[in-house]
Every structure is written in structure tokens, then in C-alpha cells.
């Protein structure tokens, strides 16, 4: 009887580990996003590759700390990427910007719709344009 109980416990433990394994593993995907960031009250347009169901949309400011200094300015805050069709995600963005463009890092902090459960991070670099910056994001995300 004890052997049967022990065998059942061992078998149950193995099945539990096997059942959790595939859930914990995810599909890693390279991603790029290009955002035309303008310094006005309107949302910014973006295009993306590597995000299922989200190849373009609008970006909204989700709260930020902006600091303009004699050198580069600093942006620390959130950007909400709205892909339409109830799909989108939020990134935490830390960037420095100035006359030469922008550089920084980003990380996904929330996602819903066809990208629900997505997490990941990367870098960005931007080129200045009249009244804004074209930001190019790259990195990896996991679904």
C-alpha cells in the first residue's frame, strides 16, 4: 500500500512538472517598431514587425516625466501602443533626446488582445525631424 501511494505521488509530481513546462516556455520573437513622435497633443503613428495582429496603430502618452536640460532632455514614462481591434500594449520607456535624436531602452509592462501575455525589452534610437523624432525600437518579446 505504501509503495502504491509513493508511486502515485512520484507519478503525479512528474506529470505536474511536465504540464507546467510548456506553459513556462514561450515563443521568443524579434520585434521592430517605428514611431513618428511629434511634439503636439495628437497621438503618434507607428508600424511594427514581429507582433501578431499588430502591424500598425497609434501611440499615446501614458504618463511621463520630461526634463529639458541644457544638454540632452530626459523622458522616463509610459507609451501606450494601440493596434486597434482591442489589441495593444504598454511600454516603459527611458530615453535621452536632443538635437542629435534620441537613445534609450524600453520594456513591455502590459499587453492585451492578440498580444496578451507578451513581455520583452529592447533599445531605441531616433533621428530628429521637424517638430519631432522618428524613433526606431528593436528587441525581443516572448509570447
C-alpha atoms as a PDB file:
ATOM      1  CA  UNK A   1       0.000   0.000   0.000  1.00  0.00           C
ATOM      2  CA  UNK A   2       2.839   2.374   0.850  1.00  0.00           C
ATOM      3  CA  UNK A   3       4.561   1.594  -2.464  1.00  0.00           C
ATOM      4  CA  UNK A   4       1.364   2.348  -4.362  1.00  0.00           C
ATOM      5  CA  UNK A   5       0.965   5.663  -2.552  1.00  0.00           C
ATOM      6  CA  UNK A   6       4.616   6.569  -3.144  1.00  0.00           C
ATOM      7  CA  UNK A   7       4.347   5.605  -6.834  1.00  0.00           C
ATOM      8  CA  UNK A   8       1.228   7.755  -7.231  1.00  0.00           C
ATOM      9  CA  UNK A   9       2.939  10.731  -5.599  1.00  0.00           C
ATOM     10  CA  UNK A  10       6.016  10.383  -7.813  1.00  0.00           C
ATOM     11  CA  UNK A  11       3.913   9.966 -10.965  1.00  0.00           C
ATOM     12  CA  UNK A  12       1.736  12.937 -10.015  1.00  0.00           C
ATOM     13  CA  UNK A  13       4.802  15.102  -9.420  1.00  0.00           C
ATOM     14  CA  UNK A  14       6.276  14.162 -12.786  1.00  0.00           C
ATOM     15  CA  UNK A  15       3.006  14.922 -14.567  1.00  0.00           C
ATOM     16  CA  UNK A  16       2.735  18.261 -12.786  1.00  0.00           C
ATOM     17  CA  UNK A  17       6.250  19.241 -13.893  1.00  0.00           C
ATOM     18  CA  UNK A  18       5.598  18.145 -17.474  1.00  0.00           C
ATOM     19  CA  UNK A  19       2.320  20.048 -17.541  1.00  0.00           C
ATOM     20  CA  UNK A  20       3.901  23.269 -16.285  1.00  0.00           C
ATOM     21  CA  UNK A  21       6.969  23.106 -18.533  1.00  0.00           C
ATOM     22  CA  UNK A  22       5.354  24.093 -21.839  1.00  0.00           C
ATOM     23  CA  UNK A  23       3.369  26.885 -20.174  1.00  0.00           C
ATOM     24  CA  UNK A  24       6.512  28.430 -18.698  1.00  0.00           C
ATOM     25  CA  UNK A  25       8.360  28.279 -22.014  1.00  0.00           C
ATOM     26  CA  UNK A  26       7.374  30.878 -24.568  1.00  0.00           C
ATOM     27  CA  UNK A  27       7.982  31.737 -28.162  1.00  0.00           C
ATOM     28  CA  UNK A  28      10.679  34.355 -28.487  1.00  0.00           C
ATOM     29  CA  UNK A  29      10.242  36.785 -31.362  1.00  0.00           C
ATOM     30  CA  UNK A  30      12.366  39.608 -32.772  1.00  0.00           C
ATOM     31  CA  UNK A  31      10.393  42.834 -32.977  1.00  0.00           C
ATOM     32  CA  UNK A  32      10.896  46.258 -34.559  1.00  0.00           C
ATOM     33  CA  UNK A  33       8.715  49.325 -34.244  1.00  0.00           C
ATOM     34  CA  UNK A  34       8.995  52.723 -35.899  1.00  0.00           C
ATOM     35  CA  UNK A  35       7.195  55.647 -34.255  1.00  0.00           C
ATOM     36  CA  UNK A  36       6.962  59.126 -35.711  1.00  0.00           C
ATOM     37  CA  UNK A  37       6.960  61.074 -32.439  1.00  0.00           C
ATOM     38  CA  UNK A  38       5.703  64.633 -32.779  1.00  0.00           C
ATOM     39  CA  UNK A  39       5.690  67.183 -30.009  1.00  0.00           C
ATOM     40  CA  UNK A  40       1.983  68.029 -30.003  1.00  0.00           C
ATOM     41  CA  UNK A  41      -1.265  66.819 -28.422  1.00  0.00           C
ATOM     42  CA  UNK A  42      -2.102  64.290 -31.170  1.00  0.00           C
ATOM     43  CA  UNK A  43      -1.342  60.535 -30.996  1.00  0.00           C
ATOM     44  CA  UNK A  44       1.668  59.336 -32.981  1.00  0.00           C
ATOM     45  CA  UNK A  45       1.555  56.693 -35.744  1.00  0.00           C
ATOM     46  CA  UNK A  46       3.626  53.518 -35.582  1.00  0.00           C
ATOM     47  CA  UNK A  47       4.420  50.450 -37.687  1.00  0.00           C
ATOM     48  CA  UNK A  48       5.715  47.146 -36.303  1.00  0.00           C
ATOM     49  CA  UNK A  49       7.065  43.762 -37.352  1.00  0.00           C
ATOM     50  CA  UNK A  50       7.053  40.607 -35.233  1.00  0.00           C
ATOM     51  CA  UNK A  51       3.806  41.317 -33.359  1.00  0.00           C
ATOM     52  CA  UNK A  52       0.870  39.077 -34.359  1.00  0.00           C
ATOM     53  CA  UNK A  53      -2.226  41.152 -35.094  1.00  0.00           C
ATOM     54  CA  UNK A  54      -0.353  44.412 -34.554  1.00  0.00           C
ATOM     55  CA  UNK A  55       1.449  45.752 -37.606  1.00  0.00           C
ATOM     56  CA  UNK A  56       0.441  49.406 -37.136  1.00  0.00           C
ATOM     57  CA  UNK A  57      -1.547  51.759 -34.979  1.00  0.00           C
ATOM     58  CA  UNK A  58      -1.346  54.800 -32.752  1.00  0.00           C
ATOM     59  CA  UNK A  59       0.844  55.635 -29.746  1.00  0.00           C
ATOM     60  CA  UNK A  60      -0.477  57.630 -26.792  1.00  0.00           C
ATOM     61  CA  UNK A  61       1.457  59.111 -23.898  1.00  0.00           C
ATOM     62  CA  UNK A  62       0.701  57.110 -20.768  1.00  0.00           C
ATOM     63  CA  UNK A  63       2.233  59.429 -18.214  1.00  0.00           C
ATOM     64  CA  UNK A  64       5.828  60.567 -18.185  1.00  0.00           C
ATOM     65  CA  UNK A  65       8.483  62.707 -16.625  1.00  0.00           C
ATOM     66  CA  UNK A  66      10.044  65.045 -19.172  1.00  0.00           C
ATOM     67  CA  UNK A  67      13.051  67.087 -18.278  1.00  0.00           C
ATOM     68  CA  UNK A  68      14.544  69.621 -20.622  1.00  0.00           C
ATOM     69  CA  UNK A  69      18.130  70.498 -19.760  1.00  0.00           C
ATOM     70  CA  UNK A  70      20.915  72.463 -21.457  1.00  0.00           C
ATOM     71  CA  UNK A  71      22.237  69.078 -22.622  1.00  0.00           C
ATOM     72  CA  UNK A  72      20.042  66.210 -23.665  1.00  0.00           C
ATOM     73  CA  UNK A  73      16.486  66.068 -22.349  1.00  0.00           C
ATOM     74  CA  UNK A  74      15.209  63.037 -20.455  1.00  0.00           C
ATOM     75  CA  UNK A  75      11.980  61.086 -20.993  1.00  0.00           C
ATOM     76  CA  UNK A  76      11.003  58.490 -18.378  1.00  0.00           C
ATOM     77  CA  UNK A  77       7.481  57.189 -18.679  1.00  0.00           C
ATOM     78  CA  UNK A  78       4.978  55.038 -20.487  1.00  0.00           C
ATOM     79  CA  UNK A  79       3.770  54.793 -24.075  1.00  0.00           C
ATOM     80  CA  UNK A  80       0.502  53.042 -24.951  1.00  0.00           C
ATOM     81  CA  UNK A  81       0.579  51.291 -28.342  1.00  0.00           C
ATOM     82  CA  UNK A  82      -2.980  50.863 -29.672  1.00  0.00           C
ATOM     83  CA  UNK A  83      -3.129  48.351 -32.525  1.00  0.00           C
ATOM     84  CA  UNK A  84      -6.913  48.586 -32.925  1.00  0.00           C
ATOM     85  CA  UNK A  85      -9.297  45.616 -32.614  1.00  0.00           C
ATOM     86  CA  UNK A  86      -8.904  45.623 -28.797  1.00  0.00           C
ATOM     87  CA  UNK A  87      -5.183  44.807 -29.109  1.00  0.00           C
ATOM     88  CA  UNK A  88      -2.332  46.800 -27.651  1.00  0.00           C
ATOM     89  CA  UNK A  89       0.477  47.032 -25.168  1.00  0.00           C
ATOM     90  CA  UNK A  90       2.232  49.458 -22.835  1.00  0.00           C
ATOM     91  CA  UNK A  91       5.983  50.043 -22.749  1.00  0.00           C
ATOM     92  CA  UNK A  92       8.075  51.689 -20.066  1.00  0.00           C
ATOM     93  CA  UNK A  93      10.442  53.992 -21.926  1.00  0.00           C
ATOM     94  CA  UNK A  94      13.656  55.625 -20.700  1.00  0.00           C
ATOM     95  CA  UNK A  95      15.300  57.876 -23.256  1.00  0.00           C
ATOM     96  CA  UNK A  96      17.601  60.833 -23.707  1.00  0.00           C
ATOM     97  CA  UNK A  97      16.843  63.213 -26.548  1.00  0.00           C
ATOM     98  CA  UNK A  98      18.266  66.345 -28.077  1.00  0.00           C
ATOM     99  CA  UNK A  99      19.296  67.938 -31.348  1.00  0.00           C
ATOM    100  CA  UNK A 100      21.004  64.746 -32.488  1.00  0.00           C
ATOM    101  CA  UNK A 101      17.974  62.487 -31.898  1.00  0.00           C
ATOM    102  CA  UNK A 102      17.227  60.018 -29.125  1.00  0.00           C
ATOM    103  CA  UNK A 103      18.639  56.878 -27.497  1.00  0.00           C
ATOM    104  CA  UNK A 104      17.164  54.678 -24.819  1.00  0.00           C
ATOM    105  CA  UNK A 105      15.631  51.448 -23.621  1.00  0.00           C
ATOM    106  CA  UNK A 106      12.089  50.076 -23.442  1.00  0.00           C
ATOM    107  CA  UNK A 107      10.267  47.179 -21.773  1.00  0.00           C
ATOM    108  CA  UNK A 108       6.730  45.812 -22.187  1.00  0.00           C
ATOM    109  CA  UNK A 109       4.758  46.180 -18.933  1.00  0.00           C
ATOM    110  CA  UNK A 110       1.241  45.203 -20.100  1.00  0.00           C
ATOM    111  CA  UNK A 111      -0.403  43.668 -23.183  1.00  0.00           C
ATOM    112  CA  UNK A 112      -3.904  42.640 -24.280  1.00  0.00           C
ATOM    113  CA  UNK A 113      -5.759  41.232 -27.284  1.00  0.00           C
ATOM    114  CA  UNK A 114      -3.738  39.194 -29.772  1.00  0.00           C
ATOM    115  CA  UNK A 115      -0.512  40.100 -27.910  1.00  0.00           C
ATOM    116  CA  UNK A 116      -1.852  39.314 -24.408  1.00  0.00           C
ATOM    117  CA  UNK A 117       0.816  37.895 -22.119  1.00  0.00           C
ATOM    118  CA  UNK A 118       3.637  39.358 -24.193  1.00  0.00           C
ATOM    119  CA  UNK A 119       6.739  40.561 -22.361  1.00  0.00           C
ATOM    120  CA  UNK A 120      10.122  41.720 -23.583  1.00  0.00           C
ATOM    121  CA  UNK A 121      12.516  44.616 -23.943  1.00  0.00           C
ATOM    122  CA  UNK A 122      14.947  46.340 -26.223  1.00  0.00           C
ATOM    123  CA  UNK A 123      16.622  49.549 -27.271  1.00  0.00           C
ATOM    124  CA  UNK A 124      15.690  52.557 -29.348  1.00  0.00           C
ATOM    125  CA  UNK A 125      17.412  55.212 -31.389  1.00  0.00           C
ATOM    126  CA  UNK A 126      15.760  58.184 -33.010  1.00  0.00           C
ATOM    127  CA  UNK A 127      16.504  60.627 -35.790  1.00  0.00           C
ATOM    128  CA  UNK A 128      15.337  64.240 -35.470  1.00  0.00           C
ATOM    129  CA  UNK A 129      12.732  65.632 -37.851  1.00  0.00           C
ATOM    130  CA  UNK A 130      10.982  68.992 -37.986  1.00  0.00           C
ATOM    131  CA  UNK A 131       8.825  69.100 -34.822  1.00  0.00           C
ATOM    132  CA  UNK A 132       9.718  65.618 -33.565  1.00  0.00           C
ATOM    133  CA  UNK A 133      11.766  62.442 -33.749  1.00  0.00           C
ATOM    134  CA  UNK A 134      11.434  59.202 -35.732  1.00  0.00           C
ATOM    135  CA  UNK A 135      12.085  56.573 -33.040  1.00  0.00           C
ATOM    136  CA  UNK A 136      13.217  53.103 -34.102  1.00  0.00           C
ATOM    137  CA  UNK A 137      12.653  50.392 -31.475  1.00  0.00           C
ATOM    138  CA  UNK A 138      14.199  46.913 -31.688  1.00  0.00           C
ATOM    139  CA  UNK A 139      14.396  43.995 -29.315  1.00  0.00           C
ATOM    140  CA  UNK A 140      12.770  40.680 -28.483  1.00  0.00           C
ATOM    141  CA  UNK A 141       9.441  39.750 -26.987  1.00  0.00           C
ATOM    142  CA  UNK A 142       8.120  36.449 -25.684  1.00  0.00           C
ATOM    143  CA  UNK A 143       4.562  35.166 -26.005  1.00  0.00           C
END
